[in-house]
C-alpha atoms as a PDB file:
ATOM      1  CA  MET A   1     127.847 -76.135  45.107  1.00  0.00           C
ATOM      2  CA  ASP A   2     130.947 -77.363  44.593  1.00  0.00           C
ATOM      3  CA  ALA A   3     132.633 -78.603  41.671  1.00  0.00           C
ATOM      4  CA  VAL A   4     131.873 -82.782  42.441  1.00  0.00           C
ATOM      5  CA  ALA A   5     128.115 -81.693  43.489  1.00  0.00           C
ATOM      6  CA  LEU A   6     127.703 -79.695  40.223  1.00  0.00           C
ATOM      7  CA  ALA A   7     129.291 -82.769  38.325  1.00  0.00           C
ATOM      8  CA  SER A   8     126.958 -85.440  39.997  1.00  0.00           C
ATOM      9  CA  TYR A   9     124.152 -82.581  39.178  1.00  0.00           C
ATOM     10  CA  ILE A  10     124.501 -82.641  35.550  1.00  0.00           C
ATOM     11  CA  PHE A  11     125.494 -86.831  35.855  1.00  0.00           C
ATOM     12  CA  ASN A  12     121.524 -86.979  37.094  1.00  0.00           C
ATOM     13  CA  LYS A  13     120.630 -85.025  34.144  1.00  0.00           C
ATOM     14  CA  LEU A  14     122.122 -86.345  31.287  1.00  0.00           C
ATOM     15  CA  LYS A  15     120.148 -89.892  32.695  1.00  0.00           C
ATOM     16  CA  LYS A  16     116.858 -88.469  32.994  1.00  0.00           C
ATOM     17  CA  LEU A  17     117.490 -87.045  29.484  1.00  0.00           C
ATOM     18  CA  GLU A  18     118.951 -90.477  28.238  1.00  0.00           C
ATOM     19  CA  GLU A  19     115.892 -92.218  30.044  1.00  0.00           C
ATOM     20  CA  GLY A  20     113.882 -90.082  28.264  1.00  0.00           C
ATOM     21  CA  HIS A  21     114.702 -90.699  24.544  1.00  0.00           C
ATOM     22  CA  VAL A  22     114.757 -94.406  25.288  1.00  0.00           C
ATOM     23  CA  GLU A  23     111.114 -94.032  26.494  1.00  0.00           C
ATOM     24  CA  PHE A  24     110.474 -92.401  22.912  1.00  0.00           C
ATOM     25  CA  LEU A  25     112.263 -94.842  21.165  1.00  0.00           C
ATOM     26  CA  THR A  26     110.375 -97.859  22.829  1.00  0.00           C
ATOM     27  CA  GLY A  27     107.036 -96.370  22.943  1.00  0.00           C
ATOM     28  CA  GLY A  28     106.531 -96.682  19.284  1.00  0.00           C
ATOM     29  CA  ASN A  29     106.774 -92.651  18.560  1.00  0.00           C
ATOM     30  CA  ILE A  30     109.501 -93.257  15.838  1.00  0.00           C
ATOM     31  CA  LYS A  31     107.608 -92.717  12.493  1.00  0.00           C
ATOM     32  CA  THR A  32     110.878 -91.777  10.070  1.00  0.00           C
ATOM     33  CA  MET A  33     114.390 -93.577   9.912  1.00  0.00           C
ATOM     34  CA  GLU A  34     115.317 -89.962   9.903  1.00  0.00           C
ATOM     35  CA  ASP A  35     113.736 -89.728  13.371  1.00  0.00           C
ATOM     36  CA  TYR A  36     115.351 -92.871  14.570  1.00  0.00           C
ATOM     37  CA  LYS A  37     118.895 -91.560  13.544  1.00  0.00           C
ATOM     38  CA  PHE A  38     118.515 -88.304  14.809  1.00  0.00           C
ATOM     39  CA  VAL A  39     117.216 -89.344  18.648  1.00  0.00           C
ATOM     40  CA  MET A  40     120.131 -92.396  18.216  1.00  0.00           C
ATOM     41  CA  GLY A  41     122.381 -89.785  17.692  1.00  0.00           C
ATOM     42  CA  GLU A  42     121.173 -87.781  20.538  1.00  0.00           C
ATOM     43  CA  LEU A  43     121.271 -90.909  22.930  1.00  0.00           C
ATOM     44  CA  SER A  44     124.391 -91.659  21.710  1.00  0.00           C
ATOM     45  CA  MET A  45     126.002 -88.185  22.408  1.00  0.00           C
ATOM     46  CA  LEU A  46     124.258 -88.326  25.877  1.00  0.00           C
ATOM     47  CA  ARG A  47     125.904 -91.766  26.632  1.00  0.00           C
ATOM     48  CA  THR A  48     129.242 -90.618  26.131  1.00  0.00           C
ATOM     49  CA  LEU A  49     128.837 -87.388  28.095  1.00  0.00           C
ATOM     50  CA  ARG A  50     127.590 -89.324  31.069  1.00  0.00           C
ATOM     51  CA  ALA A  51     130.747 -91.725  30.669  1.00  0.00           C
ATOM     52  CA  GLU A  52     132.891 -89.150  30.063  1.00  0.00           C
ATOM     53  CA  LEU A  53     131.848 -87.274  33.422  1.00  0.00           C
ATOM     54  CA  LYS A  54     131.294 -90.461  35.340  1.00  0.00           C
ATOM     55  CA  GLU A  55     135.348 -91.048  34.300  1.00  0.00           C
ATOM     56  CA  ALA A  56     136.077 -87.346  35.593  1.00  0.00           C
ATOM     57  CA  LEU A  57     134.300 -88.410  38.559  1.00  0.00           C
ATOM     58  CA  GLN A  58     136.140 -91.431  39.623  1.00  0.00           C
ATOM     59  CA  PHE A  59     139.534 -89.543  38.330  1.00  0.00           C
ATOM     60  CA  GLU A  60     138.015 -86.964  41.107  1.00  0.00           C
ATOM     61  CA  GLY A  61     137.660 -89.343  43.919  1.00  0.00           C
ATOM     62  CA  GLU A  62     141.439 -91.081  42.843  1.00  0.00           C
ATOM     63  CA  THR A  63     142.966 -87.953  43.428  1.00  0.00           C
ATOM     64  CA  ASP A  64     141.609 -86.895  46.710  1.00  0.00           C
ATOM     65  CA  GLU A  65     143.136 -90.236  48.305  1.00  0.00           C
END
């Protein structure tokens, strides 16, 4: 597996995790403010990781040209 394929795999896994967190939030599963803050923190981290990975993949594509 080359680096781009690995990064794409990780990107998709992060997306699925993010979708799971959003479903958890919108499904009425939050019972306390602590739960809300925890899930929002994880969601923020997942989105940041996906954005950084996306930027790295775009940068990789630019260097090939």
